[in-house]
Amino acid sequence: MLPSRIKKLREQFGYTQMELAKRLNVTRSSINAWEMGISVPSTQSVIDLAEIFKVSCDWLLGVEKSATLSLEGLSESDGVMLCAMAKHLRERR
């Protein structure tokens, strides 16, 4: 679960493996190994990934089934709009 979530989030945010590696101060091959499930990130790297991608560590690790989204820095109306959009997308399924 962790490998696929790292890759999916990296791609959603538009980062290459090299760009993400630079942000985390690790090698590109480390990112590749994490995404392939060959190795796992350190605890600090999991925390850093969660902060970069604005998700919880629990979700990233697969402990929680639903992701959370930080609304920090957004206006109340922006938060309401995002909640409405999420509801709409859930109902489409």
C-alpha atoms as a PDB file:
ATOM      1  CA  MET A   1       0.000   0.000   0.000  1.00  0.00           C
ATOM      2  CA  LEU A   2       2.751   2.483   0.927  1.00  0.00           C
ATOM      3  CA  PRO A   3       4.655   2.009  -2.353  1.00  0.00           C
ATOM      4  CA  SER A   4       1.606   2.659  -4.520  1.00  0.00           C
ATOM      5  CA  ARG A   5       0.526   5.657  -2.440  1.00  0.00           C
ATOM      6  CA  ILE A   6       3.945   7.281  -2.671  1.00  0.00           C
ATOM      7  CA  LYS A   7       3.993   6.854  -6.444  1.00  0.00           C
ATOM      8  CA  LYS A   8       0.400   7.971  -6.917  1.00  0.00           C
ATOM      9  CA  LEU A   9       0.879  11.104  -4.789  1.00  0.00           C
ATOM     10  CA  ARG A  10       4.198  11.942  -6.443  1.00  0.00           C
ATOM     11  CA  GLU A  11       2.572  11.766  -9.852  1.00  0.00           C
ATOM     12  CA  GLN A  12      -0.515  13.715  -8.737  1.00  0.00           C
ATOM     13  CA  PHE A  13       1.734  16.497  -7.464  1.00  0.00           C
ATOM     14  CA  GLY A  14       3.740  16.440 -10.691  1.00  0.00           C
ATOM     15  CA  TYR A  15       7.084  15.522  -9.133  1.00  0.00           C
ATOM     16  CA  THR A  16       9.672  13.369 -10.814  1.00  0.00           C
ATOM     17  CA  GLN A  17      11.469  10.880  -8.622  1.00  0.00           C
ATOM     18  CA  MET A  18      14.494  13.190  -8.711  1.00  0.00           C
ATOM     19  CA  GLU A  19      12.483  16.237  -7.652  1.00  0.00           C
ATOM     20  CA  LEU A  20      10.923  14.378  -4.727  1.00  0.00           C
ATOM     21  CA  ALA A  21      14.306  12.974  -3.746  1.00  0.00           C
ATOM     22  CA  LYS A  22      15.770  16.487  -3.593  1.00  0.00           C
ATOM     23  CA  ARG A  23      12.897  17.694  -1.384  1.00  0.00           C
ATOM     24  CA  LEU A  24      13.496  14.775   0.988  1.00  0.00           C
ATOM     25  CA  ASN A  25      17.293  14.899   0.788  1.00  0.00           C
ATOM     26  CA  VAL A  26      17.512  11.277  -0.365  1.00  0.00           C
ATOM     27  CA  THR A  27      18.622   9.663  -3.611  1.00  0.00           C
ATOM     28  CA  ARG A  28      16.403   9.098  -6.630  1.00  0.00           C
ATOM     29  CA  SER A  29      17.093   5.386  -6.278  1.00  0.00           C
ATOM     30  CA  SER A  30      15.650   5.524  -2.740  1.00  0.00           C
ATOM     31  CA  ILE A  31      12.386   6.927  -4.111  1.00  0.00           C
ATOM     32  CA  ASN A  32      12.375   4.238  -6.804  1.00  0.00           C
ATOM     33  CA  ALA A  33      12.995   1.498  -4.211  1.00  0.00           C
ATOM     34  CA  TRP A  34      10.157   2.814  -2.013  1.00  0.00           C
ATOM     35  CA  GLU A  35       7.772   2.886  -4.969  1.00  0.00           C
ATOM     36  CA  MET A  36       8.727  -0.647  -5.978  1.00  0.00           C
ATOM     37  CA  GLY A  37       8.429  -1.964  -2.425  1.00  0.00           C
ATOM     38  CA  ILE A  38      12.091  -2.967  -2.295  1.00  0.00           C
ATOM     39  CA  SER A  39      12.737  -0.831   0.774  1.00  0.00           C
ATOM     40  CA  VAL A  40      10.753   1.425   3.089  1.00  0.00           C
ATOM     41  CA  PRO A  41      11.329   5.067   3.971  1.00  0.00           C
ATOM     42  CA  SER A  42      12.624   6.004   7.395  1.00  0.00           C
ATOM     43  CA  THR A  43      10.166   7.276   9.967  1.00  0.00           C
ATOM     44  CA  GLN A  44      11.345  10.838   9.314  1.00  0.00           C
ATOM     45  CA  SER A  45      10.882  10.389   5.573  1.00  0.00           C
ATOM     46  CA  VAL A  46       7.311   9.149   6.123  1.00  0.00           C
ATOM     47  CA  ILE A  47       6.630  12.280   8.185  1.00  0.00           C
ATOM     48  CA  ASP A  48       8.212  14.466   5.500  1.00  0.00           C
ATOM     49  CA  LEU A  49       6.204  12.731   2.745  1.00  0.00           C
ATOM     50  CA  ALA A  50       2.990  13.292   4.695  1.00  0.00           C
ATOM     51  CA  GLU A  51       3.820  16.984   5.078  1.00  0.00           C
ATOM     52  CA  ILE A  52       4.733  17.425   1.406  1.00  0.00           C
ATOM     53  CA  PHE A  53       1.605  15.668   0.179  1.00  0.00           C
ATOM     54  CA  LYS A  54      -0.697  17.097   2.892  1.00  0.00           C
ATOM     55  CA  VAL A  55      -1.911  13.673   4.077  1.00  0.00           C
ATOM     56  CA  SER A  56      -1.666  11.920   7.427  1.00  0.00           C
ATOM     57  CA  CYS A  57       1.088   9.420   8.158  1.00  0.00           C
ATOM     58  CA  ASP A  58      -1.626   6.921   9.088  1.00  0.00           C
ATOM     59  CA  TRP A  59      -3.233   7.215   5.655  1.00  0.00           C
ATOM     60  CA  LEU A  60       0.103   7.059   3.884  1.00  0.00           C
ATOM     61  CA  LEU A  61       0.926   3.840   5.765  1.00  0.00           C
ATOM     62  CA  GLY A  62      -2.514   2.360   5.154  1.00  0.00           C
ATOM     63  CA  VAL A  63      -3.695   2.510   8.783  1.00  0.00           C
ATOM     64  CA  GLU A  64      -6.598   4.839   7.921  1.00  0.00           C
ATOM     65  CA  LYS A  65      -8.895   4.035   5.025  1.00  0.00           C
ATOM     66  CA  SER A  66      -9.690   7.645   4.215  1.00  0.00           C
ATOM     67  CA  ALA A  67      -7.352  10.501   3.482  1.00  0.00           C
ATOM     68  CA  THR A  68      -7.574  13.886   5.125  1.00  0.00           C
ATOM     69  CA  LEU A  69      -6.975  17.150   3.380  1.00  0.00           C
ATOM     70  CA  SER A  70      -5.553  20.171   5.144  1.00  0.00           C
ATOM     71  CA  LEU A  71      -7.574  23.313   4.571  1.00  0.00           C
ATOM     72  CA  GLU A  72      -4.918  25.459   6.216  1.00  0.00           C
ATOM     73  CA  GLY A  73      -4.466  28.741   4.408  1.00  0.00           C
ATOM     74  CA  LEU A  74      -7.789  28.481   2.570  1.00  0.00           C
ATOM     75  CA  SER A  75     -10.796  30.658   3.129  1.00  0.00           C
ATOM     76  CA  GLU A  76     -13.943  29.221   4.670  1.00  0.00           C
ATOM     77  CA  SER A  77     -15.727  29.430   1.317  1.00  0.00           C
ATOM     78  CA  ASP A  78     -12.862  27.539  -0.367  1.00  0.00           C
ATOM     79  CA  GLY A  79     -13.186  24.811   2.275  1.00  0.00           C
ATOM     80  CA  VAL A  80     -16.923  24.567   1.700  1.00  0.00           C
ATOM     81  CA  MET A  81     -16.327  24.313  -2.042  1.00  0.00           C
ATOM     82  CA  LEU A  82     -13.799  21.494  -1.596  1.00  0.00           C
ATOM     83  CA  CYS A  83     -16.181  19.575   0.674  1.00  0.00           C
ATOM     84  CA  ALA A  84     -18.959  19.943  -1.889  1.00  0.00           C
ATOM     85  CA  MET A  85     -16.663  18.729  -4.642  1.00  0.00           C
ATOM     86  CA  ALA A  86     -15.630  15.681  -2.588  1.00  0.00           C
ATOM     87  CA  LYS A  87     -19.283  14.873  -1.891  1.00  0.00           C
ATOM     88  CA  HIS A  88     -20.110  15.181  -5.592  1.00  0.00           C
ATOM     89  CA  LEU A  89     -17.252  12.845  -6.568  1.00  0.00           C
ATOM     90  CA  ARG A  90     -18.296  10.241  -3.962  1.00  0.00           C
ATOM     91  CA  GLU A  91     -21.877  10.306  -5.216  1.00  0.00           C
ATOM     92  CA  ARG A  92     -20.750   9.802  -8.839  1.00  0.00           C
ATOM     93  CA  ARG A  93     -19.445   6.358  -7.965  1.00  0.00           C
END
